[in-house]
Amino acid sequence: MEGRPVVPLKMKGKLNVKGVDKDVTFDSNALYEQNQLKLSGSTVVTFGGSLAICRDDLRPESAGNP
């Protein structure tokens, strides 16, 4: 995303893994380019001493579809 207008974004929600809900905050960046919203973000979640890192990179979503 270097050289392009990027907006920092925090998204709160729930992550469900094997029936267990965890509150999470994704630290993300958003970029609107060529009529698409692209997001890149990550979060860290612990389950009973185990660490899970979730990451999603620049996945385009149609701007007109929520």
Protein backbone atom coordinates (compact mmCIF):
# COMPACT_ATOMS: atom_id res chain seq x y z
CA MET A 1 0.00 0.00 0.00
CA GLU A 2 3.07 2.22 -0.18
CA GLY A 3 2.54 5.54 -1.94
CA ARG A 4 -1.27 5.29 -1.88
CA PRO A 5 -3.75 7.08 0.43
CA VAL A 6 -4.30 4.61 3.27
CA VAL A 7 -6.58 5.12 6.28
CA PRO A 8 -5.89 3.31 9.58
CA LEU A 9 -8.96 1.46 10.82
CA LYS A 10 -9.83 -0.56 13.94
CA MET A 11 -12.69 -3.03 13.62
CA LYS A 12 -14.19 -4.70 16.69
CA GLY A 13 -16.11 -7.94 16.49
CA LYS A 14 -16.24 -11.59 17.49
CA LEU A 15 -14.13 -14.44 16.16
CA ASN A 16 -15.57 -17.95 16.50
CA VAL A 17 -13.17 -20.88 16.49
CA LYS A 18 -14.60 -24.37 17.10
CA GLY A 19 -17.69 -22.94 18.80
CA VAL A 20 -15.80 -20.55 21.10
CA ASP A 21 -16.48 -16.81 20.66
CA LYS A 22 -13.70 -14.33 21.40
CA ASP A 23 -13.91 -10.53 21.32
CA VAL A 24 -11.31 -9.23 18.89
CA THR A 25 -10.07 -5.95 17.46
CA PHE A 26 -8.57 -6.03 13.97
CA ASP A 27 -5.85 -3.41 13.48
CA SER A 28 -6.36 -2.63 9.82
CA ASN A 29 -5.63 -0.31 6.93
CA ALA A 30 -8.22 0.64 4.31
CA LEU A 31 -7.64 1.77 0.74
CA TYR A 32 -10.26 2.80 -1.84
CA GLU A 33 -8.92 2.16 -5.33
CA GLN A 34 -10.58 1.58 -8.72
CA ASN A 35 -14.09 1.42 -7.19
CA GLN A 36 -12.98 -1.23 -4.66
CA LEU A 37 -12.45 -1.10 -0.90
CA LYS A 38 -9.31 -3.03 0.03
CA LEU A 39 -8.55 -4.02 3.62
CA SER A 40 -5.43 -5.34 5.28
CA GLY A 41 -5.47 -6.24 8.97
CA SER A 42 -4.54 -8.60 11.76
CA THR A 43 -5.55 -9.58 15.28
CA VAL A 44 -4.12 -11.77 18.04
CA VAL A 45 -6.32 -14.15 20.07
CA THR A 46 -5.40 -16.60 22.84
CA PHE A 47 -7.26 -19.86 23.53
CA GLY A 48 -6.33 -21.68 26.74
CA GLY A 49 -2.68 -20.69 26.51
CA SER A 50 -2.47 -21.15 22.73
CA LEU A 51 -1.89 -18.14 20.53
CA ALA A 52 -3.69 -17.58 17.23
CA ILE A 53 -2.78 -14.79 14.82
CA CYS A 54 -5.30 -13.94 12.12
CA ARG A 55 -4.25 -11.85 9.14
CA ASP A 56 -6.07 -10.73 6.00
CA ASP A 57 -4.26 -8.85 3.21
CA LEU A 58 -5.82 -6.45 0.70
CA ARG A 59 -8.95 -8.34 -0.15
CA PRO A 60 -11.01 -6.26 -2.61
CA GLU A 61 -14.69 -5.84 -1.85
CA SER A 62 -17.12 -4.13 -4.23
CA ALA A 63 -17.67 -0.59 -3.02
CA GLY A 64 -21.44 -0.75 -3.51
CA ASN A 65 -21.98 -3.97 -1.53
CA PRO A 66 -21.94 -3.83 2.30
